[in-house]
Amino acid sequence: MSGVREPVVTVPPEAAGLVGGGPHRALFLDRDGVVNVDHGYVHTPGRTEWVPGIFELARAARAAGYVLVVATNQAGIARGYYDEEQFRAYTRWVHARFAEEGAPLLATYYCPHHPEAGQGAYKVACACRKPEPGMLLEAIGRHGLDPAGSVMVGDTPKDMEAAAAAGVVRRFLLCGPGAEPGERAAGIAVASLDEVARTLVAGAGEAAPAAGRHGSRAPLA
């Protein structure tokens, strides 16, 4: 049970922008804290609150030629708060909302494990739980993605480390309102998703310094 799970996919690859021979650029998104507000183990539509700017960012990325891939740690599965089928059903609903907003997701990759708090077979030190890069590497290999041309948006240093280890050079750390924008050791700190969208549209994003699996971590603001 410790391998990378089959991703949630709800539309043909072409509908999500995966056309031509590639390699393709991807916008990798963490989920809790980037796609939806992190209210703690969100897995139902009723508890879902979208992070401001997420759909605008998704549309801007698609218009700029990026495919959209979500990569999310889901310790709620490991802890027994909900099971994988409940998570996958909820994720299909999330995919439908993105499609309604004009920005279909290519896939959602998820890690259901936790090395300490997991129950039964879910209690395992795996290669897919961020900061390990397993989910991103699987997506890169499966879909023919170009890590050097891709972008990661996350809200924790674990997201930045996973992306760096997978070779994703452009990394944005969403720190929230009041954060001081600028380059940090693990990624470029931004206060909102609008900043990322503007960067993608302008094509002026600068590469963040590569931080390996054991590299420096950026503090959260």
N, C-alpha and C. Protein backbone atom coordinates (compact mmCIF):
# COMPACT_ATOMS: atom_id res chain seq x y z
N MET A 1 0.81 -1.22 0.00
CA MET A 1 0.00 0.00 0.00
C MET A 1 0.85 1.27 0.00
N SER A 2 2.18 1.13 -0.06
CA SER A 2 3.03 2.30 0.10
C SER A 2 3.43 2.95 -1.21
N GLY A 3 2.96 2.42 -2.36
CA GLY A 3 3.32 3.00 -3.63
C GLY A 3 2.50 4.24 -3.94
N VAL A 4 2.91 4.97 -5.00
CA VAL A 4 2.16 6.14 -5.43
C VAL A 4 0.80 5.68 -5.96
N ARG A 5 -0.25 6.29 -5.48
CA ARG A 5 -1.60 5.91 -5.86
C ARG A 5 -1.93 6.33 -7.29
N GLU A 6 -2.86 5.59 -7.90
CA GLU A 6 -3.39 6.00 -9.19
C GLU A 6 -4.05 7.36 -9.03
N PRO A 7 -3.70 8.33 -9.88
CA PRO A 7 -4.25 9.67 -9.70
C PRO A 7 -5.73 9.72 -10.05
N VAL A 8 -6.39 10.75 -9.55
CA VAL A 8 -7.77 11.03 -9.93
C VAL A 8 -7.74 11.80 -11.24
N VAL A 9 -8.37 11.26 -12.26
CA VAL A 9 -8.44 11.87 -13.59
C VAL A 9 -9.89 11.85 -14.02
N THR A 10 -10.40 12.98 -14.48
CA THR A 10 -11.83 13.05 -14.83
C THR A 10 -12.10 13.51 -16.25
N VAL A 11 -11.08 13.98 -16.96
CA VAL A 11 -11.27 14.40 -18.35
C VAL A 11 -10.16 13.80 -19.20
N PRO A 12 -10.36 13.66 -20.51
CA PRO A 12 -9.28 13.20 -21.37
C PRO A 12 -8.09 14.15 -21.29
N PRO A 13 -6.87 13.65 -21.47
CA PRO A 13 -5.70 14.52 -21.38
C PRO A 13 -5.78 15.73 -22.29
N GLU A 14 -6.33 15.54 -23.48
CA GLU A 14 -6.41 16.65 -24.43
C GLU A 14 -7.29 17.78 -23.88
N ALA A 15 -8.34 17.42 -23.16
CA ALA A 15 -9.23 18.43 -22.60
C ALA A 15 -8.56 19.25 -21.51
N ALA A 16 -7.53 18.67 -20.90
CA ALA A 16 -6.78 19.37 -19.85
C ALA A 16 -5.54 20.06 -20.40
N GLY A 17 -5.38 20.06 -21.73
CA GLY A 17 -4.27 20.79 -22.35
C GLY A 17 -3.09 19.95 -22.74
N LEU A 18 -3.16 18.64 -22.57
CA LEU A 18 -2.03 17.78 -22.89
C LEU A 18 -2.13 17.37 -24.35
N VAL A 19 -1.69 18.25 -25.23
CA VAL A 19 -1.75 18.01 -26.67
C VAL A 19 -0.36 18.15 -27.26
N GLY A 20 -0.12 17.45 -28.36
CA GLY A 20 1.20 17.51 -28.98
C GLY A 20 2.17 16.56 -28.32
N GLY A 21 3.39 16.59 -28.81
CA GLY A 21 4.39 15.63 -28.36
C GLY A 21 5.07 15.96 -27.06
N GLY A 22 4.97 17.19 -26.60
CA GLY A 22 5.63 17.55 -25.34
C GLY A 22 7.12 17.75 -25.54
N PRO A 23 7.89 17.89 -24.44
CA PRO A 23 7.40 17.85 -23.06
C PRO A 23 6.51 19.05 -22.72
N HIS A 24 5.67 18.86 -21.74
CA HIS A 24 4.67 19.85 -21.39
C HIS A 24 5.02 20.54 -20.07
N ARG A 25 4.69 21.82 -20.00
CA ARG A 25 4.87 22.55 -18.75
C ARG A 25 3.66 22.33 -17.86
N ALA A 26 3.91 22.22 -16.57
CA ALA A 26 2.83 22.01 -15.61
C ALA A 26 2.86 23.07 -14.53
N LEU A 27 1.68 23.41 -14.05
CA LEU A 27 1.54 24.16 -12.81
C LEU A 27 1.13 23.15 -11.75
N PHE A 28 2.07 22.82 -10.87
CA PHE A 28 1.79 21.91 -9.76
C PHE A 28 1.20 22.71 -8.60
N LEU A 29 0.10 22.23 -8.07
CA LEU A 29 -0.58 22.91 -6.97
C LEU A 29 -0.68 21.99 -5.76
N ASP A 30 -0.26 22.47 -4.61
CA ASP A 30 -0.67 21.82 -3.37
C ASP A 30 -2.18 22.04 -3.24
N ARG A 31 -2.84 21.24 -2.41
CA ARG A 31 -4.29 21.42 -2.29
C ARG A 31 -4.66 22.28 -1.09
N ASP A 32 -4.57 21.72 0.12
CA ASP A 32 -5.01 22.45 1.31
C ASP A 32 -4.13 23.67 1.55
N GLY A 33 -4.72 24.85 1.51
CA GLY A 33 -3.96 26.08 1.68
C GLY A 33 -3.64 26.77 0.38
N VAL A 34 -3.84 26.08 -0.75
CA VAL A 34 -3.59 26.68 -2.07
C VAL A 34 -4.85 26.61 -2.93
N VAL A 35 -5.44 25.45 -3.04
CA VAL A 35 -6.70 25.30 -3.78
C VAL A 35 -7.88 25.65 -2.87
N ASN A 36 -7.94 25.00 -1.73
CA ASN A 36 -9.00 25.29 -0.75
C ASN A 36 -8.38 25.77 0.56
N VAL A 37 -9.13 26.56 1.29
CA VAL A 37 -8.68 27.01 2.61
C VAL A 37 -8.53 25.78 3.50
N ASP A 38 -7.44 25.74 4.24
CA ASP A 38 -7.14 24.58 5.07
C ASP A 38 -7.91 24.65 6.39
N HIS A 39 -9.11 24.09 6.38
CA HIS A 39 -9.91 24.03 7.60
C HIS A 39 -9.66 22.74 8.37
N GLY A 40 -8.73 21.93 7.90
CA GLY A 40 -8.40 20.70 8.59
C GLY A 40 -9.13 19.50 8.02
N TYR A 41 -8.40 18.70 7.24
CA TYR A 41 -8.94 17.43 6.71
C TYR A 41 -10.24 17.64 5.93
N VAL A 42 -10.23 18.60 5.05
CA VAL A 42 -11.40 18.89 4.22
C VAL A 42 -11.62 17.73 3.24
N HIS A 43 -12.85 17.20 3.22
CA HIS A 43 -13.14 16.12 2.27
C HIS A 43 -14.61 16.10 1.87
N THR A 44 -15.32 17.20 2.08
CA THR A 44 -16.71 17.31 1.64
C THR A 44 -16.94 18.69 1.02
N PRO A 45 -17.86 18.79 0.05
CA PRO A 45 -18.15 20.09 -0.54
C PRO A 45 -18.60 21.12 0.49
N GLY A 46 -19.34 20.69 1.51
CA GLY A 46 -19.86 21.63 2.49
C GLY A 46 -18.79 22.34 3.30
N ARG A 47 -17.61 21.74 3.41
CA ARG A 47 -16.53 22.36 4.18
C ARG A 47 -15.52 23.06 3.28
N THR A 48 -15.83 23.14 2.00
CA THR A 48 -14.87 23.68 1.04
C THR A 48 -15.02 25.18 0.88
N GLU A 49 -13.94 25.88 1.11
CA GLU A 49 -13.85 27.32 0.85
C GLU A 49 -12.64 27.52 -0.04
N TRP A 50 -12.86 28.08 -1.21
CA TRP A 50 -11.77 28.22 -2.17
C TRP A 50 -10.82 29.34 -1.76
N VAL A 51 -9.54 29.12 -1.94
CA VAL A 51 -8.55 30.17 -1.71
C VAL A 51 -8.77 31.27 -2.75
N PRO A 52 -8.84 32.53 -2.33
CA PRO A 52 -9.07 33.61 -3.29
C PRO A 52 -8.05 33.59 -4.43
N GLY A 53 -8.55 33.65 -5.64
CA GLY A 53 -7.69 33.72 -6.81
C GLY A 53 -7.33 32.39 -7.43
N ILE A 54 -7.80 31.27 -6.85
CA ILE A 54 -7.36 29.98 -7.38
C ILE A 54 -7.87 29.74 -8.79
N PHE A 55 -9.12 30.07 -9.07
CA PHE A 55 -9.63 29.81 -10.41
C PHE A 55 -9.04 30.79 -11.43
N GLU A 56 -8.79 32.02 -11.00
CA GLU A 56 -8.14 32.97 -11.89
C GLU A 56 -6.73 32.50 -12.23
N LEU A 57 -6.01 31.99 -11.22
CA LEU A 57 -4.68 31.45 -11.47
C LEU A 57 -4.75 30.27 -12.42
N ALA A 58 -5.70 29.38 -12.19
CA ALA A 58 -5.82 28.19 -13.04
C ALA A 58 -6.09 28.58 -14.49
N ARG A 59 -6.98 29.54 -14.71
CA ARG A 59 -7.27 29.97 -16.08
C ARG A 59 -6.06 30.66 -16.71
N ALA A 60 -5.36 31.48 -15.92
CA ALA A 60 -4.17 32.15 -16.45
C ALA A 60 -3.10 31.14 -16.84
N ALA A 61 -2.93 30.12 -16.01
CA ALA A 61 -1.93 29.10 -16.31
C ALA A 61 -2.29 28.33 -17.57
N ARG A 62 -3.55 27.97 -17.71
CA ARG A 62 -3.96 27.26 -18.92
C ARG A 62 -3.76 28.13 -20.15
N ALA A 63 -4.10 29.41 -20.04
CA ALA A 63 -3.92 30.31 -21.18
C ALA A 63 -2.45 30.47 -21.55
N ALA A 64 -1.57 30.32 -20.55
CA ALA A 64 -0.13 30.43 -20.79
C ALA A 64 0.49 29.10 -21.23
N GLY A 65 -0.32 28.06 -21.36
CA GLY A 65 0.18 26.79 -21.87
C GLY A 65 0.57 25.76 -20.84
N TYR A 66 0.19 25.97 -19.59
CA TYR A 66 0.49 25.00 -18.53
C TYR A 66 -0.69 24.04 -18.35
N VAL A 67 -0.37 22.79 -18.07
CA VAL A 67 -1.40 21.86 -17.60
C VAL A 67 -1.42 21.92 -16.07
N LEU A 68 -2.54 21.55 -15.48
CA LEU A 68 -2.74 21.72 -14.04
C LEU A 68 -2.72 20.37 -13.34
N VAL A 69 -1.84 20.24 -12.35
CA VAL A 69 -1.69 19.00 -11.60
C VAL A 69 -1.70 19.33 -10.11
N VAL A 70 -2.55 18.66 -9.36
CA VAL A 70 -2.58 18.81 -7.90
C VAL A 70 -1.80 17.67 -7.28
N ALA A 71 -0.99 17.98 -6.28
CA ALA A 71 -0.24 16.96 -5.52
C ALA A 71 -0.45 17.24 -4.04
N THR A 72 -1.09 16.32 -3.33
CA THR A 72 -1.54 16.61 -1.97
C THR A 72 -1.26 15.48 -1.00
N ASN A 73 -0.71 15.82 0.15
CA ASN A 73 -0.63 14.87 1.27
C ASN A 73 -2.01 14.76 1.90
N GLN A 74 -2.47 13.54 2.13
CA GLN A 74 -3.79 13.34 2.72
C GLN A 74 -3.70 12.44 3.94
N ALA A 75 -3.15 13.01 5.02
CA ALA A 75 -2.99 12.26 6.26
C ALA A 75 -4.33 11.90 6.88
N GLY A 76 -5.40 12.58 6.48
CA GLY A 76 -6.72 12.23 6.99
C GLY A 76 -7.11 10.81 6.63
N ILE A 77 -6.63 10.32 5.50
CA ILE A 77 -6.87 8.93 5.13
C ILE A 77 -6.10 8.03 6.08
N ALA A 78 -4.82 8.34 6.27
CA ALA A 78 -3.98 7.52 7.15
C ALA A 78 -4.54 7.47 8.57
N ARG A 79 -5.09 8.57 9.03
CA ARG A 79 -5.61 8.65 10.41
C ARG A 79 -7.00 8.03 10.55
N GLY A 80 -7.62 7.67 9.43
CA GLY A 80 -8.93 7.05 9.49
C GLY A 80 -10.10 8.01 9.52
N TYR A 81 -9.86 9.29 9.21
CA TYR A 81 -10.94 10.27 9.22
C TYR A 81 -11.88 10.10 8.02
N TYR A 82 -11.35 9.62 6.92
CA TYR A 82 -12.12 9.30 5.72
C TYR A 82 -11.31 8.30 4.93
N ASP A 83 -11.97 7.57 4.04
CA ASP A 83 -11.24 6.55 3.29
C ASP A 83 -10.89 7.04 1.89
N GLU A 84 -10.18 6.22 1.16
CA GLU A 84 -9.70 6.65 -0.15
C GLU A 84 -10.84 6.89 -1.12
N GLU A 85 -11.88 6.07 -1.08
CA GLU A 85 -12.99 6.28 -2.01
C GLU A 85 -13.72 7.58 -1.70
N GLN A 86 -13.87 7.92 -0.42
CA GLN A 86 -14.48 9.20 -0.07
C GLN A 86 -13.62 10.35 -0.58
N PHE A 87 -12.31 10.22 -0.43
CA PHE A 87 -11.41 11.25 -0.93
C PHE A 87 -11.52 11.37 -2.45
N ARG A 88 -11.52 10.25 -3.14
CA ARG A 88 -11.56 10.28 -4.60
C ARG A 88 -12.89 10.85 -5.10
N ALA A 89 -13.99 10.52 -4.42
CA ALA A 89 -15.28 11.08 -4.80
C ALA A 89 -15.29 12.60 -4.62
N TYR A 90 -14.75 13.06 -3.50
CA TYR A 90 -14.66 14.50 -3.27
C TYR A 90 -13.77 15.16 -4.32
N THR A 91 -12.67 14.51 -4.65
CA THR A 91 -11.74 15.08 -5.63
C THR A 91 -12.39 15.17 -7.01
N ARG A 92 -13.22 14.21 -7.36
CA ARG A 92 -13.95 14.32 -8.63
C ARG A 92 -14.87 15.54 -8.63
N TRP A 93 -15.44 15.85 -7.47
CA TRP A 93 -16.25 17.07 -7.37
C TRP A 93 -15.37 18.31 -7.56
N VAL A 94 -14.19 18.32 -6.95
CA VAL A 94 -13.26 19.45 -7.13
C VAL A 94 -12.91 19.59 -8.60
N HIS A 95 -12.61 18.49 -9.27
CA HIS A 95 -12.30 18.54 -10.70
C HIS A 95 -13.46 19.15 -11.49
N ALA A 96 -14.68 18.76 -11.14
CA ALA A 96 -15.84 19.30 -11.85
C ALA A 96 -15.95 20.81 -11.68
N ARG A 97 -15.63 21.30 -10.49
CA ARG A 97 -15.67 22.76 -10.25
C ARG A 97 -14.62 23.47 -11.10
N PHE A 98 -13.42 22.92 -11.20
CA PHE A 98 -12.40 23.54 -12.04
C PHE A 98 -12.84 23.53 -13.50
N ALA A 99 -13.43 22.44 -13.95
CA ALA A 99 -13.90 22.38 -15.33
C ALA A 99 -14.98 23.42 -15.58
N GLU A 100 -15.88 23.60 -14.62
CA GLU A 100 -16.93 24.62 -14.74
C GLU A 100 -16.33 26.01 -14.83
N GLU A 101 -15.17 26.20 -14.20
CA GLU A 101 -14.51 27.50 -14.20
C GLU A 101 -13.60 27.68 -15.42
N GLY A 102 -13.61 26.72 -16.32
CA GLY A 102 -12.85 26.85 -17.56
C GLY A 102 -11.39 26.48 -17.45
N ALA A 103 -11.04 25.68 -16.44
CA ALA A 103 -9.64 25.28 -16.24
C ALA A 103 -9.59 23.84 -15.76
N PRO A 104 -9.85 22.87 -16.65
CA PRO A 104 -9.85 21.47 -16.23
C PRO A 104 -8.50 21.03 -15.67
N LEU A 105 -8.54 20.23 -14.62
CA LEU A 105 -7.32 19.66 -14.04
C LEU A 105 -6.92 18.41 -14.81
N LEU A 106 -5.62 18.27 -15.03
CA LEU A 106 -5.12 17.06 -15.67
C LEU A 106 -5.23 15.87 -14.73
N ALA A 107 -4.82 16.05 -13.47
CA ALA A 107 -4.83 14.94 -12.51
C ALA A 107 -4.61 15.47 -11.10
N THR A 108 -5.09 14.71 -10.14
CA THR A 108 -4.76 14.93 -8.73
C THR A 108 -4.05 13.71 -8.20
N TYR A 109 -2.82 13.91 -7.74
CA TYR A 109 -2.04 12.86 -7.09
C TYR A 109 -2.15 13.06 -5.59
N TYR A 110 -2.21 11.96 -4.86
CA TYR A 110 -2.36 12.07 -3.41
C TYR A 110 -1.56 11.00 -2.70
N CYS A 111 -1.11 11.35 -1.50
CA CYS A 111 -0.43 10.39 -0.63
C CYS A 111 -1.33 10.12 0.57
N PRO A 112 -1.74 8.86 0.80
CA PRO A 112 -2.62 8.54 1.92
C PRO A 112 -1.89 8.08 3.17
N HIS A 113 -0.56 8.21 3.19
CA HIS A 113 0.23 7.62 4.27
C HIS A 113 0.62 8.65 5.33
N HIS A 114 1.04 8.15 6.49
CA HIS A 114 1.67 8.98 7.51
C HIS A 114 2.61 8.08 8.31
N PRO A 115 3.87 8.49 8.48
CA PRO A 115 4.84 7.59 9.10
C PRO A 115 4.63 7.35 10.59
N GLU A 116 3.96 8.26 11.29
CA GLU A 116 3.72 8.08 12.72
C GLU A 116 2.24 7.87 13.06
N ALA A 117 1.37 8.65 12.46
CA ALA A 117 -0.04 8.65 12.86
C ALA A 117 -0.91 7.73 12.00
N GLY A 118 -0.32 7.08 11.01
CA GLY A 118 -1.11 6.22 10.15
C GLY A 118 -1.62 4.98 10.86
N GLN A 119 -2.75 4.48 10.40
CA GLN A 119 -3.33 3.27 10.96
C GLN A 119 -3.06 2.09 10.01
N GLY A 120 -2.70 0.96 10.58
CA GLY A 120 -2.49 -0.24 9.78
C GLY A 120 -1.44 -0.04 8.71
N ALA A 121 -1.78 -0.45 7.50
CA ALA A 121 -0.83 -0.38 6.39
C ALA A 121 -0.52 1.04 5.96
N TYR A 122 -1.30 2.01 6.42
CA TYR A 122 -1.04 3.40 6.08
C TYR A 122 0.08 4.01 6.92
N LYS A 123 0.50 3.32 7.96
CA LYS A 123 1.61 3.81 8.78
C LYS A 123 2.91 3.34 8.16
N VAL A 124 3.46 4.19 7.31
CA VAL A 124 4.65 3.80 6.56
C VAL A 124 5.40 5.05 6.13
N ALA A 125 6.72 4.96 6.12
CA ALA A 125 7.54 6.02 5.55
C ALA A 125 7.65 5.75 4.06
N CYS A 126 6.93 6.53 3.27
CA CYS A 126 6.80 6.27 1.84
C CYS A 126 7.63 7.25 1.03
N ALA A 127 7.61 7.06 -0.27
CA ALA A 127 8.33 7.95 -1.17
C ALA A 127 7.42 8.99 -1.80
N CYS A 128 6.12 8.97 -1.43
CA CYS A 128 5.20 9.91 -2.06
C CYS A 128 4.79 11.07 -1.16
N ARG A 129 4.91 10.92 0.15
CA ARG A 129 4.50 12.00 1.05
C ARG A 129 5.51 13.13 0.98
N LYS A 130 5.04 14.33 0.60
CA LYS A 130 5.94 15.48 0.58
C LYS A 130 6.51 15.71 1.98
N PRO A 131 7.80 15.99 2.10
CA PRO A 131 8.71 16.55 1.10
C PRO A 131 9.36 15.55 0.14
N GLU A 132 9.04 14.28 0.21
CA GLU A 132 9.54 13.36 -0.81
C GLU A 132 8.91 13.72 -2.16
N PRO A 133 9.62 13.49 -3.25
CA PRO A 133 9.14 13.95 -4.56
C PRO A 133 8.33 12.92 -5.34
N GLY A 134 7.95 11.81 -4.72
CA GLY A 134 7.36 10.71 -5.47
C GLY A 134 6.15 11.07 -6.32
N MET A 135 5.22 11.85 -5.78
CA MET A 135 4.03 12.22 -6.55
C MET A 135 4.39 13.04 -7.77
N LEU A 136 5.30 13.99 -7.60
CA LEU A 136 5.68 14.84 -8.72
C LEU A 136 6.44 14.05 -9.77
N LEU A 137 7.34 13.19 -9.33
CA LEU A 137 8.09 12.38 -10.29
C LEU A 137 7.17 11.45 -11.07
N GLU A 138 6.18 10.89 -10.41
CA GLU A 138 5.21 10.04 -11.10
C GLU A 138 4.45 10.83 -12.15
N ALA A 139 4.02 12.04 -11.80
CA ALA A 139 3.29 12.87 -12.75
C ALA A 139 4.17 13.26 -13.93
N ILE A 140 5.41 13.62 -13.64
CA ILE A 140 6.34 14.01 -14.70
C ILE A 140 6.55 12.87 -15.68
N GLY A 141 6.77 11.67 -15.16
CA GLY A 141 7.01 10.53 -16.02
C GLY A 141 5.77 10.08 -16.77
N ARG A 142 4.64 10.08 -16.10
CA ARG A 142 3.40 9.58 -16.71
C ARG A 142 2.89 10.49 -17.82
N HIS A 143 3.00 11.79 -17.61
CA HIS A 143 2.38 12.73 -18.54
C HIS A 143 3.38 13.42 -19.47
N GLY A 144 4.65 13.08 -19.37
CA GLY A 144 5.65 13.71 -20.22
C GLY A 144 5.83 15.18 -19.92
N LEU A 145 5.96 15.51 -18.64
CA LEU A 145 6.09 16.90 -18.21
C LEU A 145 7.54 17.32 -18.15
N ASP A 146 7.76 18.61 -18.32
CA ASP A 146 9.11 19.19 -18.27
C ASP A 146 9.29 19.88 -16.93
N PRO A 147 10.01 19.27 -15.99
CA PRO A 147 10.14 19.90 -14.67
C PRO A 147 10.83 21.25 -14.72
N ALA A 148 11.82 21.40 -15.60
CA ALA A 148 12.55 22.66 -15.66
C ALA A 148 11.67 23.80 -16.14
N GLY A 149 10.64 23.49 -16.91
CA GLY A 149 9.73 24.52 -17.39
C GLY A 149 8.46 24.64 -16.59
N SER A 150 8.36 23.86 -15.52
CA SER A 150 7.14 23.82 -14.73
C SER A 150 7.23 24.71 -13.50
N VAL A 151 6.12 24.84 -12.81
CA VAL A 151 6.00 25.75 -11.66
C VAL A 151 5.30 24.99 -10.52
N MET A 152 5.74 25.26 -9.30
CA MET A 152 5.07 24.71 -8.11
C MET A 152 4.53 25.86 -7.28
N VAL A 153 3.30 25.72 -6.80
CA VAL A 153 2.74 26.66 -5.83
C VAL A 153 2.33 25.86 -4.60
N GLY A 154 2.91 26.19 -3.47
CA GLY A 154 2.59 25.52 -2.22
C GLY A 154 2.57 26.51 -1.09
N ASP A 155 2.16 26.04 0.08
CA ASP A 155 2.11 26.94 1.24
C ASP A 155 2.96 26.45 2.40
N THR A 156 3.78 25.42 2.17
CA THR A 156 4.70 24.95 3.21
C THR A 156 6.05 24.65 2.59
N PRO A 157 7.10 24.66 3.40
CA PRO A 157 8.41 24.27 2.90
C PRO A 157 8.43 22.86 2.32
N LYS A 158 7.59 21.97 2.82
CA LYS A 158 7.55 20.61 2.28
C LYS A 158 7.21 20.61 0.79
N ASP A 159 6.30 21.50 0.39
CA ASP A 159 5.95 21.61 -1.02
C ASP A 159 7.15 22.05 -1.84
N MET A 160 7.89 23.01 -1.31
CA MET A 160 9.05 23.53 -2.02
C MET A 160 10.13 22.46 -2.14
N GLU A 161 10.35 21.73 -1.08
CA GLU A 161 11.39 20.70 -1.09
C GLU A 161 11.05 19.58 -2.07
N ALA A 162 9.80 19.17 -2.08
CA ALA A 162 9.39 18.12 -3.01
C ALA A 162 9.59 18.56 -4.45
N ALA A 163 9.20 19.80 -4.74
CA ALA A 163 9.36 20.31 -6.10
C ALA A 163 10.82 20.41 -6.49
N ALA A 164 11.64 20.91 -5.57
CA ALA A 164 13.07 21.03 -5.86
C ALA A 164 13.69 19.68 -6.13
N ALA A 165 13.32 18.69 -5.33
CA ALA A 165 13.87 17.34 -5.51
C ALA A 165 13.43 16.72 -6.82
N ALA A 166 12.28 17.16 -7.34
CA ALA A 166 11.78 16.65 -8.62
C ALA A 166 12.30 17.45 -9.81
N GLY A 167 13.09 18.49 -9.54
CA GLY A 167 13.67 19.28 -10.61
C GLY A 167 12.84 20.46 -11.06
N VAL A 168 11.78 20.80 -10.30
CA VAL A 168 10.95 21.95 -10.64
C VAL A 168 11.65 23.20 -10.14
N VAL A 169 12.04 24.06 -11.06
CA VAL A 169 12.91 25.19 -10.72
C VAL A 169 12.13 26.38 -10.19
N ARG A 170 10.98 26.67 -10.78
CA ARG A 170 10.21 27.86 -10.38
C ARG A 170 9.21 27.45 -9.31
N ARG A 171 9.40 28.01 -8.11
CA ARG A 171 8.61 27.57 -6.95
C ARG A 171 8.12 28.80 -6.18
N PHE A 172 6.84 28.82 -5.91
CA PHE A 172 6.23 29.95 -5.20
C PHE A 172 5.67 29.47 -3.87
N LEU A 173 6.07 30.14 -2.80
CA LEU A 173 5.62 29.82 -1.46
C LEU A 173 4.56 30.83 -1.05
N LEU A 174 3.31 30.38 -0.97
CA LEU A 174 2.20 31.25 -0.62
C LEU A 174 2.20 31.46 0.89
N CYS A 175 2.52 32.69 1.29
CA CYS A 175 2.66 33.00 2.71
C CYS A 175 1.48 33.77 3.28
N GLY A 176 0.59 34.26 2.43
CA GLY A 176 -0.60 34.94 2.90
C GLY A 176 -0.41 36.45 3.01
N PRO A 177 -1.50 37.18 3.26
CA PRO A 177 -1.45 38.63 3.39
C PRO A 177 -0.46 39.06 4.46
N GLY A 178 0.25 40.13 4.17
CA GLY A 178 1.22 40.65 5.13
C GLY A 178 2.60 40.09 4.95
N ALA A 179 2.74 39.08 4.12
CA ALA A 179 4.06 38.51 3.89
C ALA A 179 4.89 39.46 3.04
N GLU A 180 6.17 39.45 3.27
CA GLU A 180 7.07 40.25 2.47
C GLU A 180 7.46 39.46 1.23
N PRO A 181 7.04 39.93 0.04
CA PRO A 181 7.40 39.20 -1.17
C PRO A 181 8.90 39.18 -1.36
N GLY A 182 9.36 38.22 -2.10
CA GLY A 182 10.78 38.15 -2.39
C GLY A 182 11.28 36.73 -2.43
N GLU A 183 12.52 36.58 -2.83
CA GLU A 183 13.09 35.26 -2.99
C GLU A 183 13.59 34.73 -1.65
N ARG A 184 13.24 33.49 -1.36
CA ARG A 184 13.72 32.82 -0.16
C ARG A 184 14.51 31.59 -0.58
N ALA A 185 15.05 30.91 0.40
CA ALA A 185 15.92 29.79 0.08
C ALA A 185 15.20 28.70 -0.70
N ALA A 186 13.93 28.46 -0.37
CA ALA A 186 13.21 27.35 -0.99
C ALA A 186 12.33 27.78 -2.15
N GLY A 187 12.01 29.05 -2.25
CA GLY A 187 11.11 29.49 -3.30
C GLY A 187 10.88 30.99 -3.21
N ILE A 188 10.06 31.50 -4.10
CA ILE A 188 9.73 32.92 -4.12
C ILE A 188 8.48 33.13 -3.27
N ALA A 189 8.60 33.89 -2.21
CA ALA A 189 7.47 34.12 -1.31
C ALA A 189 6.49 35.09 -1.95
N VAL A 190 5.21 34.74 -1.92
CA VAL A 190 4.16 35.60 -2.45
C VAL A 190 3.04 35.70 -1.42
N ALA A 191 2.33 36.82 -1.47
CA ALA A 191 1.25 37.04 -0.51
C ALA A 191 -0.10 36.57 -1.03
N SER A 192 -0.20 36.34 -2.35
CA SER A 192 -1.48 35.94 -2.93
C SER A 192 -1.25 35.16 -4.21
N LEU A 193 -2.28 34.43 -4.61
CA LEU A 193 -2.21 33.70 -5.88
C LEU A 193 -2.22 34.65 -7.07
N ASP A 194 -2.76 35.85 -6.88
CA ASP A 194 -2.76 36.83 -7.96
C ASP A 194 -1.33 37.15 -8.41
N GLU A 195 -0.40 37.18 -7.47
CA GLU A 195 0.99 37.46 -7.83
C GLU A 195 1.54 36.37 -8.74
N VAL A 196 1.20 35.13 -8.44
CA VAL A 196 1.67 34.03 -9.28
C VAL A 196 1.05 34.14 -10.67
N ALA A 197 -0.25 34.44 -10.73
CA ALA A 197 -0.93 34.56 -12.01
C ALA A 197 -0.30 35.65 -12.86
N ARG A 198 0.00 36.78 -12.26
CA ARG A 198 0.62 37.87 -13.02
C ARG A 198 1.98 37.45 -13.55
N THR A 199 2.72 36.71 -12.75
CA THR A 199 4.04 36.25 -13.18
C THR A 199 3.93 35.30 -14.36
N LEU A 200 2.98 34.39 -14.31
CA LEU A 200 2.83 33.45 -15.41
C LEU A 200 2.41 34.16 -16.68
N VAL A 201 1.49 35.10 -16.56
CA VAL A 201 1.02 35.84 -17.73
C VAL A 201 2.15 36.65 -18.34
N ALA A 202 2.94 37.29 -17.49
CA ALA A 202 4.04 38.11 -17.98
C ALA A 202 5.22 37.28 -18.46
N GLY A 203 5.29 36.03 -18.01
CA GLY A 203 6.42 35.19 -18.39
C GLY A 203 7.72 35.69 -17.79
N ALA A 204 7.61 36.38 -16.64
CA ALA A 204 8.80 37.01 -16.07
C ALA A 204 9.23 36.38 -14.77
N GLY A 205 8.77 35.15 -14.47
CA GLY A 205 9.16 34.52 -13.22
C GLY A 205 10.63 34.19 -13.21
N GLU A 206 11.26 34.42 -12.10
CA GLU A 206 12.67 34.08 -11.95
C GLU A 206 12.80 32.74 -11.26
N ALA A 207 13.81 31.99 -11.62
CA ALA A 207 14.04 30.70 -10.99
C ALA A 207 14.51 30.89 -9.56
N ALA A 208 13.92 30.15 -8.66
CA ALA A 208 14.38 30.16 -7.28
C ALA A 208 15.59 29.27 -7.15
N PRO A 209 16.47 29.52 -6.19
CA PRO A 209 17.62 28.66 -6.01
C PRO A 209 17.17 27.24 -5.73
N ALA A 210 17.84 26.29 -6.31
CA ALA A 210 17.48 24.89 -6.11
C ALA A 210 17.80 24.48 -4.69
N ALA A 211 16.78 23.98 -3.97
CA ALA A 211 16.98 23.47 -2.63
C ALA A 211 16.71 21.99 -2.65
N GLY A 212 17.68 21.19 -2.37
CA GLY A 212 17.52 19.75 -2.43
C GLY A 212 16.72 19.24 -1.26
N ARG A 213 16.62 17.91 -1.20
CA ARG A 213 15.81 17.27 -0.15
C ARG A 213 16.24 17.71 1.24
N HIS A 214 17.52 17.98 1.41
CA HIS A 214 18.01 18.39 2.73
C HIS A 214 18.49 19.85 2.70
N GLY A 215 17.98 20.63 1.73
CA GLY A 215 18.41 22.00 1.61
C GLY A 215 17.73 22.90 2.62
N SER A 216 18.00 24.20 2.51
CA SER A 216 17.43 25.17 3.44
C SER A 216 15.92 25.24 3.26
N ARG A 217 15.23 25.50 4.33
CA ARG A 217 13.80 25.66 4.29
C ARG A 217 13.44 27.13 4.49
N ALA A 218 12.39 27.55 3.80
CA ALA A 218 11.93 28.92 3.96
C ALA A 218 10.95 28.97 5.12
N PRO A 219 11.12 29.92 6.02
CA PRO A 219 10.17 30.02 7.13
C PRO A 219 8.82 30.50 6.64
N LEU A 220 7.78 30.07 7.29
CA LEU A 220 6.46 30.56 6.97
C LEU A 220 6.24 31.91 7.62
N ALA A 221 5.61 32.80 6.88
CA ALA A 221 5.35 34.13 7.41
C ALA A 221 4.09 34.10 8.26
